[in-house]
C-alpha atoms as a PDB file:
ATOM      1  CA  MET A   1     -10.073  -1.429 -62.384  1.00  0.00           C
ATOM      2  CA  ILE A   2     -10.794  -3.624 -59.377  1.00  0.00           C
ATOM      3  CA  ALA A   3     -11.556  -1.905 -56.072  1.00  0.00           C
ATOM      4  CA  TYR A   4     -12.711  -3.137 -52.678  1.00  0.00           C
ATOM      5  CA  GLN A   5     -16.022  -1.949 -51.270  1.00  0.00           C
ATOM      6  CA  LEU A   6     -17.049  -1.995 -47.635  1.00  0.00           C
ATOM      7  CA  SER A   7     -20.756  -2.479 -46.993  1.00  0.00           C
ATOM      8  CA  ILE A   8     -21.762  -1.448 -43.484  1.00  0.00           C
ATOM      9  CA  PHE A   9     -25.168  -2.364 -42.062  1.00  0.00           C
ATOM     10  CA  ALA A  10     -26.396   0.559 -39.959  1.00  0.00           C
ATOM     11  CA  GLU A  11     -29.509   1.617 -38.102  1.00  0.00           C
ATOM     12  CA  ASN A  12     -31.258   4.528 -39.805  1.00  0.00           C
ATOM     13  CA  LYS A  13     -30.839   6.974 -36.930  1.00  0.00           C
ATOM     14  CA  SER A  14     -29.195  10.287 -36.245  1.00  0.00           C
ATOM     15  CA  GLY A  15     -25.429  10.165 -35.741  1.00  0.00           C
ATOM     16  CA  LYS A  16     -24.754   6.719 -37.204  1.00  0.00           C
ATOM     17  CA  LEU A  17     -22.951   7.994 -40.311  1.00  0.00           C
ATOM     18  CA  ALA A  18     -20.876  10.334 -38.124  1.00  0.00           C
ATOM     19  CA  GLN A  19     -19.931   7.375 -35.923  1.00  0.00           C
ATOM     20  CA  ILE A  20     -18.699   5.395 -38.945  1.00  0.00           C
ATOM     21  CA  THR A  21     -16.783   8.280 -40.498  1.00  0.00           C
ATOM     22  CA  GLY A  22     -15.347   9.165 -37.080  1.00  0.00           C
ATOM     23  CA  VAL A  23     -13.828   5.693 -36.689  1.00  0.00           C
ATOM     24  CA  LEU A  24     -12.224   5.989 -40.118  1.00  0.00           C
ATOM     25  CA  ALA A  25     -11.005   9.555 -39.526  1.00  0.00           C
ATOM     26  CA  LYS A  26      -9.385   8.553 -36.231  1.00  0.00           C
ATOM     27  CA  GLU A  27      -7.430   5.881 -38.125  1.00  0.00           C
ATOM     28  CA  LYS A  28      -6.604   8.333 -40.961  1.00  0.00           C
ATOM     29  CA  ILE A  29      -8.433   6.179 -43.524  1.00  0.00           C
ATOM     30  CA  ASN A  30      -9.583   8.249 -46.497  1.00  0.00           C
ATOM     31  CA  ILE A  31     -13.033   7.730 -48.054  1.00  0.00           C
ATOM     32  CA  ARG A  32     -12.759   7.783 -51.866  1.00  0.00           C
ATOM     33  CA  ALA A  33     -16.413   7.087 -52.778  1.00  0.00           C
ATOM     34  CA  THR A  34     -19.703   6.386 -51.037  1.00  0.00           C
ATOM     35  CA  THR A  35     -23.308   5.398 -51.653  1.00  0.00           C
ATOM     36  CA  ILE A  36     -26.068   4.961 -49.120  1.00  0.00           C
ATOM     37  CA  ALA A  37     -29.278   2.942 -49.470  1.00  0.00           C
ATOM     38  CA  THR A  38     -31.867   3.340 -46.719  1.00  0.00           C
ATOM     39  CA  ALA A  39     -35.145   1.866 -45.616  1.00  0.00           C
ATOM     40  CA  ASP A  40     -37.321   2.862 -42.666  1.00  0.00           C
ATOM     41  CA  THR A  41     -35.180   1.352 -39.919  1.00  0.00           C
ATOM     42  CA  PHE A  42     -31.819   0.457 -41.445  1.00  0.00           C
ATOM     43  CA  GLY A  43     -29.428   1.290 -44.227  1.00  0.00           C
ATOM     44  CA  ILE A  44     -26.421  -0.016 -46.093  1.00  0.00           C
ATOM     45  CA  ILE A  45     -23.486   2.372 -46.361  1.00  0.00           C
ATOM     46  CA  ASN A  46     -21.096   1.425 -49.168  1.00  0.00           C
ATOM     47  CA  LEU A  47     -17.596   2.889 -49.024  1.00  0.00           C
ATOM     48  CA  ILE A  48     -14.466   2.680 -51.134  1.00  0.00           C
ATOM     49  CA  VAL A  49     -11.509   3.688 -48.978  1.00  0.00           C
ATOM     50  CA  ASP A  50      -7.741   3.875 -49.361  1.00  0.00           C
ATOM     51  CA  ASP A  51      -7.058   0.976 -46.931  1.00  0.00           C
ATOM     52  CA  PRO A  52     -10.040  -1.416 -47.128  1.00  0.00           C
ATOM     53  CA  GLN A  53      -8.641  -4.282 -45.049  1.00  0.00           C
ATOM     54  CA  ARG A  54      -7.698  -2.004 -42.149  1.00  0.00           C
ATOM     55  CA  ALA A  55     -11.039  -0.176 -42.438  1.00  0.00           C
ATOM     56  CA  GLU A  56     -12.895  -3.491 -42.212  1.00  0.00           C
ATOM     57  CA  ALA A  57     -10.897  -4.411 -39.109  1.00  0.00           C
ATOM     58  CA  VAL A  58     -11.386  -1.123 -37.235  1.00  0.00           C
ATOM     59  CA  LEU A  59     -15.095  -0.901 -38.059  1.00  0.00           C
ATOM     60  CA  SER A  60     -15.596  -4.506 -36.930  1.00  0.00           C
ATOM     61  CA  GLN A  61     -13.671  -3.771 -33.720  1.00  0.00           C
ATOM     62  CA  ALA A  62     -16.036  -0.825 -33.174  1.00  0.00           C
ATOM     63  CA  GLY A  63     -18.943  -3.303 -33.192  1.00  0.00           C
ATOM     64  CA  MET A  64     -20.227  -2.690 -36.708  1.00  0.00           C
ATOM     65  CA  THR A  65     -21.404  -5.313 -39.190  1.00  0.00           C
ATOM     66  CA  VAL A  66     -19.092  -4.955 -42.208  1.00  0.00           C
ATOM     67  CA  HIS A  67     -18.676  -6.915 -45.446  1.00  0.00           C
ATOM     68  CA  LEU A  68     -15.698  -6.416 -47.800  1.00  0.00           C
ATOM     69  CA  ARG A  69     -15.924  -7.434 -51.460  1.00  0.00           C
ATOM     70  CA  GLU A  70     -14.320  -6.801 -54.837  1.00  0.00           C
ATOM     71  CA  VAL A  71     -16.116  -4.411 -57.177  1.00  0.00           C
ATOM     72  CA  LEU A  72     -15.425  -2.915 -60.574  1.00  0.00           C
ATOM     73  CA  ALA A  73     -14.503   0.790 -60.411  1.00  0.00           C
ATOM     74  CA  VAL A  74     -14.529   3.120 -63.399  1.00  0.00           C
ATOM     75  CA  LEU A  75     -12.716   6.454 -63.476  1.00  0.00           C
ATOM     76  CA  ILE A  76     -14.843   9.131 -65.126  1.00  0.00           C
ATOM     77  CA  PRO A  77     -13.580  12.574 -66.143  1.00  0.00           C
ATOM     78  CA  ASP A  78     -14.961  15.362 -63.936  1.00  0.00           C
ATOM     79  CA  THR A  79     -16.284  17.362 -66.878  1.00  0.00           C
ATOM     80  CA  PRO A  80     -19.732  17.990 -68.349  1.00  0.00           C
ATOM     81  CA  GLY A  81     -20.655  14.893 -70.348  1.00  0.00           C
ATOM     82  CA  GLY A  82     -17.892  12.835 -68.716  1.00  0.00           C
ATOM     83  CA  LEU A  83     -20.296  10.011 -67.918  1.00  0.00           C
ATOM     84  CA  ASP A  84     -21.425   9.853 -71.557  1.00  0.00           C
ATOM     85  CA  ASN A  85     -17.915   9.326 -72.962  1.00  0.00           C
END
């Protein structure tokens, strides 16, 4: 299925993830999936949320650098070996 992923550029420092999730929580936007890739001084936080367009808008309004794009999402059973099936 097609999903929309937010990629947020963030400094690799204490409290940054909490700032991002706080903005989304305040707007009652639910995070469905996440991955984080970090380097020494920065990171990319990838999120799939239940309202991607609104999430992009509120994070941008909060001064964050955000990119929204289509991705392929696969539902996997939450059972041992689910990824292998």
